[in-house]
């Protein structure tokens, strides 16, 4: 059963901060980042160990603190993980890399 992340309760309230961060990414040339992928980064990487008594201003502060490099490192690793499962076997991978 997928319950979700503890901070999902803040998502609607902090949406303007998410949009602002996405606009910053766009200005820096990373316009393909979506709100959902940014939220996924935050919940899976930045907030892996959620605090029980976190305040909304702390969530907003952490959203604004995300750097493009930090997000892109995460996205790259996730892409490699997804790619790893796309091959049927190591033999098939070797054949493609010849």
Protein backbone atom coordinates (compact mmCIF):
# COMPACT_ATOMS: atom_id res chain seq x y z
CA UNK A 1 0.00 0.00 0.00
CA UNK A 2 1.52 3.29 -1.11
CA UNK A 3 0.70 5.91 1.51
CA UNK A 4 2.85 8.71 0.16
CA UNK A 5 5.34 11.02 1.76
CA UNK A 6 4.83 12.82 5.06
CA UNK A 7 5.25 16.20 3.37
CA UNK A 8 2.60 15.55 0.70
CA UNK A 9 0.22 17.45 2.97
CA UNK A 10 2.18 20.63 2.13
CA UNK A 11 2.24 20.18 -1.64
CA UNK A 12 -0.73 22.37 -2.54
CA UNK A 13 0.33 25.12 -0.14
CA UNK A 14 3.93 25.23 -1.43
CA UNK A 15 2.99 25.01 -5.11
CA UNK A 16 3.93 28.68 -5.74
CA UNK A 17 7.45 27.92 -4.44
CA UNK A 18 7.67 24.87 -6.72
CA UNK A 19 6.58 26.94 -9.72
CA UNK A 20 9.09 29.65 -8.84
CA UNK A 21 11.88 27.07 -8.67
CA UNK A 22 10.80 25.61 -12.02
CA UNK A 23 10.89 29.11 -13.54
CA UNK A 24 14.44 29.49 -12.23
CA UNK A 25 15.39 26.16 -13.85
CA UNK A 26 13.78 27.36 -17.10
CA UNK A 27 15.80 30.59 -17.06
CA UNK A 28 18.95 28.52 -16.60
CA UNK A 29 18.10 26.36 -19.61
CA UNK A 30 16.42 23.41 -17.89
CA UNK A 31 12.86 23.92 -19.08
CA UNK A 32 11.97 20.24 -19.26
CA UNK A 33 11.82 19.73 -15.49
CA UNK A 34 8.24 19.15 -14.37
CA UNK A 35 6.59 19.97 -11.08
CA UNK A 36 6.04 16.26 -10.42
CA UNK A 37 9.68 15.38 -11.06
CA UNK A 38 10.87 18.19 -8.78
CA UNK A 39 8.51 17.01 -6.04
CA UNK A 40 9.72 13.43 -6.55
CA UNK A 41 13.33 14.62 -6.14
CA UNK A 42 12.43 16.42 -2.95
CA UNK A 43 10.56 13.49 -1.42
CA UNK A 44 12.96 10.75 -2.49
CA UNK A 45 16.29 12.52 -2.06
CA UNK A 46 16.12 15.74 -0.08
CA UNK A 47 13.45 14.62 2.40
CA UNK A 48 14.41 10.96 2.66
CA UNK A 49 14.21 11.27 6.44
CA UNK A 50 11.27 13.59 7.14
CA UNK A 51 11.02 15.58 10.35
CA UNK A 52 7.81 15.09 12.28
CA UNK A 53 7.40 18.71 13.38
CA UNK A 54 8.53 20.53 10.23
CA UNK A 55 6.94 23.88 9.50
CA UNK A 56 5.74 25.05 6.11
CA UNK A 57 8.36 27.81 5.93
CA UNK A 58 11.08 25.14 6.32
CA UNK A 59 9.62 23.18 3.40
CA UNK A 60 9.58 26.34 1.26
CA UNK A 61 13.16 27.14 2.30
CA UNK A 62 14.32 23.69 1.21
CA UNK A 63 12.51 24.02 -2.13
CA UNK A 64 14.25 27.34 -2.80
CA UNK A 65 17.55 25.79 -1.72
CA UNK A 66 17.54 23.17 -4.48
CA UNK A 67 20.30 23.81 -7.01
CA UNK A 68 20.14 22.83 -10.66
CA UNK A 69 23.24 20.68 -10.21
CA UNK A 70 21.74 18.85 -7.26
CA UNK A 71 18.56 18.08 -9.19
CA UNK A 72 20.41 17.09 -12.37
CA UNK A 73 22.69 14.69 -10.45
CA UNK A 74 19.59 13.00 -9.06
CA UNK A 75 17.88 12.89 -12.47
CA UNK A 76 20.98 11.41 -14.10
CA UNK A 77 21.28 8.64 -11.53
CA UNK A 78 17.57 7.86 -11.83
CA UNK A 79 17.89 7.72 -15.63
CA UNK A 80 20.76 5.25 -15.34
CA UNK A 81 18.73 3.14 -12.90
CA UNK A 82 15.77 3.09 -15.28
CA UNK A 83 18.03 2.29 -18.22
CA UNK A 84 19.60 -0.57 -16.29
CA UNK A 85 16.25 -2.36 -16.19
CA UNK A 86 15.43 -1.75 -19.84
CA UNK A 87 17.89 -4.40 -21.06
CA UNK A 88 16.78 -8.03 -20.93
CA UNK A 89 20.25 -9.26 -20.01
CA UNK A 90 23.93 -8.37 -19.78
CA UNK A 91 24.46 -10.36 -22.97
CA UNK A 92 22.02 -8.12 -24.83
CA UNK A 93 23.78 -5.02 -23.46
CA UNK A 94 27.18 -6.30 -24.62
CA UNK A 95 25.74 -7.02 -28.06
CA UNK A 96 24.43 -3.47 -28.36
CA UNK A 97 27.74 -1.96 -27.24
CA UNK A 98 29.83 -3.78 -29.88
